[in-house]
PDB file of N, CA and C in Angstrom:
ATOM      1  N   UNK A   1       0.649  -0.998  -0.119  1.00  0.00           N
ATOM      2  CA  UNK A   1       0.227  -0.141  -0.138  1.00  0.00           C
ATOM      3  C   UNK A   1       1.038   1.480  -0.075  1.00  0.00           C
ATOM      4  N   UNK A   2       0.505   1.960  -0.848  1.00  0.00           N
ATOM      5  CA  UNK A   2       1.187   3.608  -1.149  1.00  0.00           C
ATOM      6  C   UNK A   2       1.137   4.404   0.456  1.00  0.00           C
ATOM      7  N   UNK A   3       1.884   5.264   0.785  1.00  0.00           N
ATOM      8  CA  UNK A   3       1.812   6.000   1.622  1.00  0.00           C
ATOM      9  C   UNK A   3       1.348   7.323   0.680  1.00  0.00           C
ATOM     10  N   UNK A   4       0.571   8.351   1.362  1.00  0.00           N
ATOM     11  CA  UNK A   4       0.647   9.683   0.701  1.00  0.00           C
ATOM     12  C   UNK A   4       1.767  10.460   0.003  1.00  0.00           C
ATOM     13  N   UNK A   5       1.792  10.943  -1.059  1.00  0.00           N
ATOM     14  CA  UNK A   5       3.122  11.355  -1.320  1.00  0.00           C
ATOM     15  C   UNK A   5       4.035  10.340  -2.282  1.00  0.00           C
ATOM     16  N   UNK A   6       4.000   8.981  -1.604  1.00  0.00           N
ATOM     17  CA  UNK A   6       4.727   8.052  -2.298  1.00  0.00           C
ATOM     18  C   UNK A   6       4.772   7.814  -3.749  1.00  0.00           C
ATOM     19  N   UNK A   7       4.002   7.609  -4.692  1.00  0.00           N
ATOM     20  CA  UNK A   7       3.508   7.046  -5.794  1.00  0.00           C
ATOM     21  C   UNK A   7       2.871   8.086  -6.448  1.00  0.00           C
ATOM     22  N   UNK A   8       4.046   9.389  -6.803  1.00  0.00           N
ATOM     23  CA  UNK A   8       3.342  10.558  -7.566  1.00  0.00           C
ATOM     24  C   UNK A   8       2.337  10.105  -8.645  1.00  0.00           C
ATOM     25  N   UNK A   9       3.285   8.774  -9.910  1.00  0.00           N
ATOM     26  CA  UNK A   9       2.499   9.205 -11.334  1.00  0.00           C
ATOM     27  C   UNK A   9       2.381  10.043 -12.163  1.00  0.00           C
ATOM     28  N   UNK A  10       3.576  10.973 -12.011  1.00  0.00           N
ATOM     29  CA  UNK A  10       3.544  12.093 -13.056  1.00  0.00           C
ATOM     30  C   UNK A  10       5.199  12.367 -13.376  1.00  0.00           C
ATOM     31  N   UNK A  11       4.796  13.185 -14.089  1.00  0.00           N
ATOM     32  CA  UNK A  11       6.629  12.976 -14.823  1.00  0.00           C
ATOM     33  C   UNK A  11       7.148  14.545 -13.992  1.00  0.00           C
ATOM     34  N   UNK A  12       6.206  15.222 -13.263  1.00  0.00           N
ATOM     35  CA  UNK A  12       6.888  16.443 -12.478  1.00  0.00           C
ATOM     36  C   UNK A  12       5.895  16.579 -11.550  1.00  0.00           C
ATOM     37  N   UNK A  13       6.827  16.885  -9.929  1.00  0.00           N
ATOM     38  CA  UNK A  13       5.993  17.129  -9.126  1.00  0.00           C
ATOM     39  C   UNK A  13       6.578  18.310  -8.172  1.00  0.00           C
ATOM     40  N   UNK A  14       6.085  18.435  -7.108  1.00  0.00           N
ATOM     41  CA  UNK A  14       7.030  19.219  -6.253  1.00  0.00           C
ATOM     42  C   UNK A  14       6.602  18.826  -4.858  1.00  0.00           C
ATOM     43  N   UNK A  15       7.962  18.985  -4.095  1.00  0.00           N
ATOM     44  CA  UNK A  15       8.300  18.624  -2.796  1.00  0.00           C
ATOM     45  C   UNK A  15       7.228  19.230  -1.555  1.00  0.00           C
ATOM     46  N   UNK A  16       6.312  18.457  -1.030  1.00  0.00           N
ATOM     47  CA  UNK A  16       5.449  18.804  -0.299  1.00  0.00           C
ATOM     48  C   UNK A  16       6.143  19.453   1.308  1.00  0.00           C
ATOM     49  N   UNK A  17       7.589  19.535   1.448  1.00  0.00           N
ATOM     50  CA  UNK A  17       8.105  20.038   2.607  1.00  0.00           C
ATOM     51  C   UNK A  17       9.153  21.431   2.261  1.00  0.00           C
ATOM     52  N   UNK A  18       9.681  21.757   0.611  1.00  0.00           N
ATOM     53  CA  UNK A  18      10.043  23.125   0.382  1.00  0.00           C
ATOM     54  C   UNK A  18       9.688  23.367  -0.711  1.00  0.00           C
ATOM     55  N   UNK A  19       8.793  22.794  -1.571  1.00  0.00           N
ATOM     56  CA  UNK A  19       8.089  23.305  -2.606  1.00  0.00           C
ATOM     57  C   UNK A  19       8.766  23.306  -4.184  1.00  0.00           C
ATOM     58  N   UNK A  20      10.306  22.581  -3.907  1.00  0.00           N
ATOM     59  CA  UNK A  20      11.209  22.419  -5.047  1.00  0.00           C
ATOM     60  C   UNK A  20      10.630  21.711  -6.031  1.00  0.00           C
ATOM     61  N   UNK A  21      10.507  21.814  -7.228  1.00  0.00           N
ATOM     62  CA  UNK A  21      10.201  21.053  -8.297  1.00  0.00           C
ATOM     63  C   UNK A  21      10.997  19.283  -8.638  1.00  0.00           C
ATOM     64  N   UNK A  22       9.971  18.351  -8.615  1.00  0.00           N
ATOM     65  CA  UNK A  22      11.435  17.138  -8.879  1.00  0.00           C
ATOM     66  C   UNK A  22      10.840  16.861  -9.942  1.00  0.00           C
ATOM     67  N   UNK A  23      11.882  15.926 -10.632  1.00  0.00           N
ATOM     68  CA  UNK A  23      11.710  14.949 -12.110  1.00  0.00           C
ATOM     69  C   UNK A  23      12.029  13.889 -11.821  1.00  0.00           C
ATOM     70  N   UNK A  24      11.288  13.010 -12.855  1.00  0.00           N
ATOM     71  CA  UNK A  24      11.888  11.551 -12.237  1.00  0.00           C
ATOM     72  C   UNK A  24      12.631  11.164 -13.132  1.00  0.00           C
ATOM     73  N   UNK A  25      13.755  10.013 -12.235  1.00  0.00           N
ATOM     74  CA  UNK A  25      14.896  10.048 -12.874  1.00  0.00           C
ATOM     75  C   UNK A  25      15.587   8.322 -12.030  1.00  0.00           C
ATOM     76  N   UNK A  26      16.440   7.750 -12.286  1.00  0.00           N
ATOM     77  CA  UNK A  26      17.098   6.574 -12.128  1.00  0.00           C
ATOM     78  C   UNK A  26      17.980   6.674 -10.520  1.00  0.00           C
ATOM     79  N   UNK A  27      17.725   6.130  -9.807  1.00  0.00           N
ATOM     80  CA  UNK A  27      18.469   6.433  -8.681  1.00  0.00           C
ATOM     81  C   UNK A  27      19.094   4.897  -7.957  1.00  0.00           C
ATOM     82  N   UNK A  28      20.083   4.891  -6.820  1.00  0.00           N
ATOM     83  CA  UNK A  28      20.689   3.823  -6.425  1.00  0.00           C
ATOM     84  C   UNK A  28      20.322   3.547  -5.121  1.00  0.00           C
ATOM     85  N   UNK A  29      20.109   2.540  -4.473  1.00  0.00           N
ATOM     86  CA  UNK A  29      20.006   2.282  -3.152  1.00  0.00           C
ATOM     87  C   UNK A  29      20.660   1.298  -2.813  1.00  0.00           C
ATOM     88  N   UNK A  30      20.907   0.854  -1.629  1.00  0.00           N
ATOM     89  CA  UNK A  30      21.354  -0.589  -0.918  1.00  0.00           C
ATOM     90  C   UNK A  30      20.578  -1.895  -2.079  1.00  0.00           C
ATOM     91  N   UNK A  31      19.230  -2.002  -2.568  1.00  0.00           N
ATOM     92  CA  UNK A  31      18.212  -3.085  -2.659  1.00  0.00           C
ATOM     93  C   UNK A  31      18.582  -2.865  -4.290  1.00  0.00           C
ATOM     94  N   UNK A  32      18.917  -1.816  -4.983  1.00  0.00           N
ATOM     95  CA  UNK A  32      19.450  -1.778  -6.550  1.00  0.00           C
ATOM     96  C   UNK A  32      19.033  -0.553  -7.063  1.00  0.00           C
ATOM     97  N   UNK A  33      18.882  -0.505  -8.312  1.00  0.00           N
ATOM     98  CA  UNK A  33      18.342   0.715  -8.638  1.00  0.00           C
ATOM     99  C   UNK A  33      17.121   0.537  -9.121  1.00  0.00           C
ATOM    100  N   UNK A  34      16.481   2.254  -9.011  1.00  0.00           N
ATOM    101  CA  UNK A  34      14.977   2.302  -8.857  1.00  0.00           C
ATOM    102  C   UNK A  34      14.669   3.556  -9.921  1.00  0.00           C
ATOM    103  N   UNK A  35      13.425   3.614 -10.318  1.00  0.00           N
ATOM    104  CA  UNK A  35      12.750   4.973 -11.089  1.00  0.00           C
ATOM    105  C   UNK A  35      12.472   5.937  -9.843  1.00  0.00           C
ATOM    106  N   UNK A  36      12.580   6.910  -9.761  1.00  0.00           N
ATOM    107  CA  UNK A  36      11.675   7.728  -8.382  1.00  0.00           C
ATOM    108  C   UNK A  36      12.132   8.996  -8.588  1.00  0.00           C
ATOM    109  N   UNK A  37      11.399  10.071  -7.543  1.00  0.00           N
ATOM    110  CA  UNK A  37      11.929  11.355  -7.189  1.00  0.00           C
ATOM    111  C   UNK A  37      12.669  11.617  -6.026  1.00  0.00           C
ATOM    112  N   UNK A  38      13.327  12.508  -6.494  1.00  0.00           N
ATOM    113  CA  UNK A  38      14.440  12.818  -5.364  1.00  0.00           C
ATOM    114  C   UNK A  38      14.150  14.566  -5.531  1.00  0.00           C
ATOM    115  N   UNK A  39      14.330  14.997  -4.052  1.00  0.00           N
ATOM    116  CA  UNK A  39      13.919  16.375  -4.092  1.00  0.00           C
ATOM    117  C   UNK A  39      15.657  17.261  -3.857  1.00  0.00           C
ATOM    118  N   UNK A  40      15.884  18.280  -4.992  1.00  0.00           N
ATOM    119  CA  UNK A  40      17.664  19.074  -4.556  1.00  0.00           C
ATOM    120  C   UNK A  40      17.601  19.361  -3.356  1.00  0.00           C
ATOM    121  N   UNK A  41      16.556  19.511  -2.427  1.00  0.00           N
ATOM    122  CA  UNK A  41      16.841  20.220  -1.086  1.00  0.00           C
ATOM    123  C   UNK A  41      16.765  19.229  -0.243  1.00  0.00           C
ATOM    124  N   UNK A  42      15.771  18.552  -0.122  1.00  0.00           N
ATOM    125  CA  UNK A  42      15.397  17.501   0.701  1.00  0.00           C
ATOM    126  C   UNK A  42      16.183  16.171   0.958  1.00  0.00           C
ATOM    127  N   UNK A  43      16.223  15.592  -0.764  1.00  0.00           N
ATOM    128  CA  UNK A  43      16.783  14.259  -0.634  1.00  0.00           C
ATOM    129  C   UNK A  43      15.612  13.571  -1.277  1.00  0.00           C
ATOM    130  N   UNK A  44      15.890  11.736  -1.138  1.00  0.00           N
ATOM    131  CA  UNK A  44      14.760  11.399  -1.964  1.00  0.00           C
ATOM    132  C   UNK A  44      13.482  11.327  -1.536  1.00  0.00           C
ATOM    133  N   UNK A  45      12.685  11.272  -2.568  1.00  0.00           N
ATOM    134  CA  UNK A  45      11.296  12.021  -1.792  1.00  0.00           C
ATOM    135  C   UNK A  45      10.204  10.577  -2.480  1.00  0.00           C
ATOM    136  N   UNK A  46      10.623   9.475  -3.501  1.00  0.00           N
ATOM    137  CA  UNK A  46       9.720   8.429  -3.389  1.00  0.00           C
ATOM    138  C   UNK A  46      10.403   7.656  -4.451  1.00  0.00           C
ATOM    139  N   UNK A  47       9.957   6.374  -4.447  1.00  0.00           N
ATOM    140  CA  UNK A  47      10.022   5.159  -5.305  1.00  0.00           C
ATOM    141  C   UNK A  47       9.061   5.197  -6.153  1.00  0.00           C
ATOM    142  N   UNK A  48       8.915   4.837  -7.588  1.00  0.00           N
ATOM    143  CA  UNK A  48       7.983   4.458  -8.399  1.00  0.00           C
ATOM    144  C   UNK A  48       7.831   3.376  -9.272  1.00  0.00           C
ATOM    145  N   UNK A  49       8.935   2.550  -8.985  1.00  0.00           N
ATOM    146  CA  UNK A  49       8.970   1.646  -9.394  1.00  0.00           C
ATOM    147  C   UNK A  49       9.997   0.272  -8.130  1.00  0.00           C
ATOM    148  N   UNK A  50       9.584  -0.835  -9.218  1.00  0.00           N
ATOM    149  CA  UNK A  50      10.413  -2.099  -8.033  1.00  0.00           C
ATOM    150  C   UNK A  50      11.971  -1.798  -8.371  1.00  0.00           C
ATOM    151  N   UNK A  51      12.615  -2.674  -7.896  1.00  0.00           N
ATOM    152  CA  UNK A  51      14.630  -2.709  -7.859  1.00  0.00           C
ATOM    153  C   UNK A  51      14.445  -2.874  -9.434  1.00  0.00           C
ATOM    154  N   UNK A  52      15.459  -2.837  -9.890  1.00  0.00           N
ATOM    155  CA  UNK A  52      16.425  -3.191 -11.065  1.00  0.00           C
ATOM    156  C   UNK A  52      17.704  -3.516 -10.893  1.00  0.00           C
ATOM    157  N   UNK A  53      18.274  -4.906 -11.698  1.00  0.00           N
ATOM    158  CA  UNK A  53      19.746  -5.458 -10.834  1.00  0.00           C
ATOM    159  C   UNK A  53      20.714  -4.372 -11.587  1.00  0.00           C
ATOM    160  N   UNK A  54      20.442  -3.265 -12.704  1.00  0.00           N
ATOM    161  CA  UNK A  54      21.725  -2.467 -12.767  1.00  0.00           C
ATOM    162  C   UNK A  54      20.956  -1.255 -13.316  1.00  0.00           C
ATOM    163  N   UNK A  55      22.151  -0.222 -13.474  1.00  0.00           N
ATOM    164  CA  UNK A  55      21.474   1.324 -14.029  1.00  0.00           C
ATOM    165  C   UNK A  55      21.224   0.817 -15.428  1.00  0.00           C
ATOM    166  N   UNK A  56      21.626   0.273 -16.174  1.00  0.00           N
ATOM    167  CA  UNK A  56      21.166   0.225 -17.610  1.00  0.00           C
ATOM    168  C   UNK A  56      19.724  -0.148 -18.109  1.00  0.00           C
ATOM    169  N   UNK A  57      19.318  -1.246 -16.768  1.00  0.00           N
ATOM    170  CA  UNK A  57      18.257  -1.974 -17.209  1.00  0.00           C
ATOM    171  C   UNK A  57      16.990  -0.902 -16.288  1.00  0.00           C
ATOM    172  N   UNK A  58      17.254  -0.230 -15.252  1.00  0.00           N
ATOM    173  CA  UNK A  58      16.313   0.783 -14.997  1.00  0.00           C
ATOM    174  C   UNK A  58      16.029   2.095 -15.807  1.00  0.00           C
ATOM    175  N   UNK A  59      17.390   2.136 -16.639  1.00  0.00           N
ATOM    176  CA  UNK A  59      17.082   3.504 -17.485  1.00  0.00           C
ATOM    177  C   UNK A  59      16.435   3.037 -18.948  1.00  0.00           C
ATOM    178  N   UNK A  60      16.497   1.901 -19.035  1.00  0.00           N
ATOM    179  CA  UNK A  60      15.628   1.422 -19.982  1.00  0.00           C
ATOM    180  C   UNK A  60      14.156   1.282 -20.083  1.00  0.00           C
ATOM    181  N   UNK A  61      13.727   1.071 -18.822  1.00  0.00           N
ATOM    182  CA  UNK A  61      12.693   0.524 -18.123  1.00  0.00           C
ATOM    183  C   UNK A  61      11.758   1.972 -18.119  1.00  0.00           C
ATOM    184  N   UNK A  62      12.451   3.246 -17.460  1.00  0.00           N
ATOM    185  CA  UNK A  62      12.102   4.379 -17.763  1.00  0.00           C
ATOM    186  C   UNK A  62      11.883   4.838 -19.075  1.00  0.00           C
ATOM    187  N   UNK A  63      12.709   4.832 -20.505  1.00  0.00           N
ATOM    188  CA  UNK A  63      12.475   4.944 -21.535  1.00  0.00           C
ATOM    189  C   UNK A  63      11.336   4.348 -22.136  1.00  0.00           C
ATOM    190  N   UNK A  64      11.418   2.944 -21.782  1.00  0.00           N
ATOM    191  CA  UNK A  64       9.874   2.735 -22.252  1.00  0.00           C
ATOM    192  C   UNK A  64       8.878   2.579 -21.724  1.00  0.00           C
ATOM    193  N   UNK A  65       9.067   3.125 -20.291  1.00  0.00           N
ATOM    194  CA  UNK A  65       7.533   3.283 -19.388  1.00  0.00           C
ATOM    195  C   UNK A  65       7.824   1.894 -18.980  1.00  0.00           C
ATOM    196  N   UNK A  66       7.259   2.179 -17.391  1.00  0.00           N
ATOM    197  CA  UNK A  66       6.848   1.251 -16.874  1.00  0.00           C
ATOM    198  C   UNK A  66       5.942   1.146 -15.862  1.00  0.00           C
ATOM    199  N   UNK A  67       5.236   0.292 -15.361  1.00  0.00           N
ATOM    200  CA  UNK A  67       4.350   0.607 -14.314  1.00  0.00           C
ATOM    201  C   UNK A  67       3.913   0.523 -13.202  1.00  0.00           C
ATOM    202  N   UNK A  68       5.064   1.284 -12.339  1.00  0.00           N
ATOM    203  CA  UNK A  68       4.969   1.938 -10.940  1.00  0.00           C
ATOM    204  C   UNK A  68       5.757   0.041 -10.709  1.00  0.00           C
ATOM    205  N   UNK A  69       5.147   0.203  -9.409  1.00  0.00           N
ATOM    206  CA  UNK A  69       5.647  -1.365  -8.707  1.00  0.00           C
ATOM    207  C   UNK A  69       5.055  -2.335  -9.277  1.00  0.00           C
TER     208      UNK A  69
END
């Protein structure tokens, strides 16, 4: 189940804490690569996909479209 603000489902949104514009991109965590939003002021904002084994796979999924988690 998603938390409020977790699954944005848009190509751009704004941080609820500072109001900065957020863009979707590929990020890395200890669990792997994922597609999500990150605030330039506050840090990680949301994860919009499952995890991918490498950056290339995540970038391909973002380019081709993905169905969220």
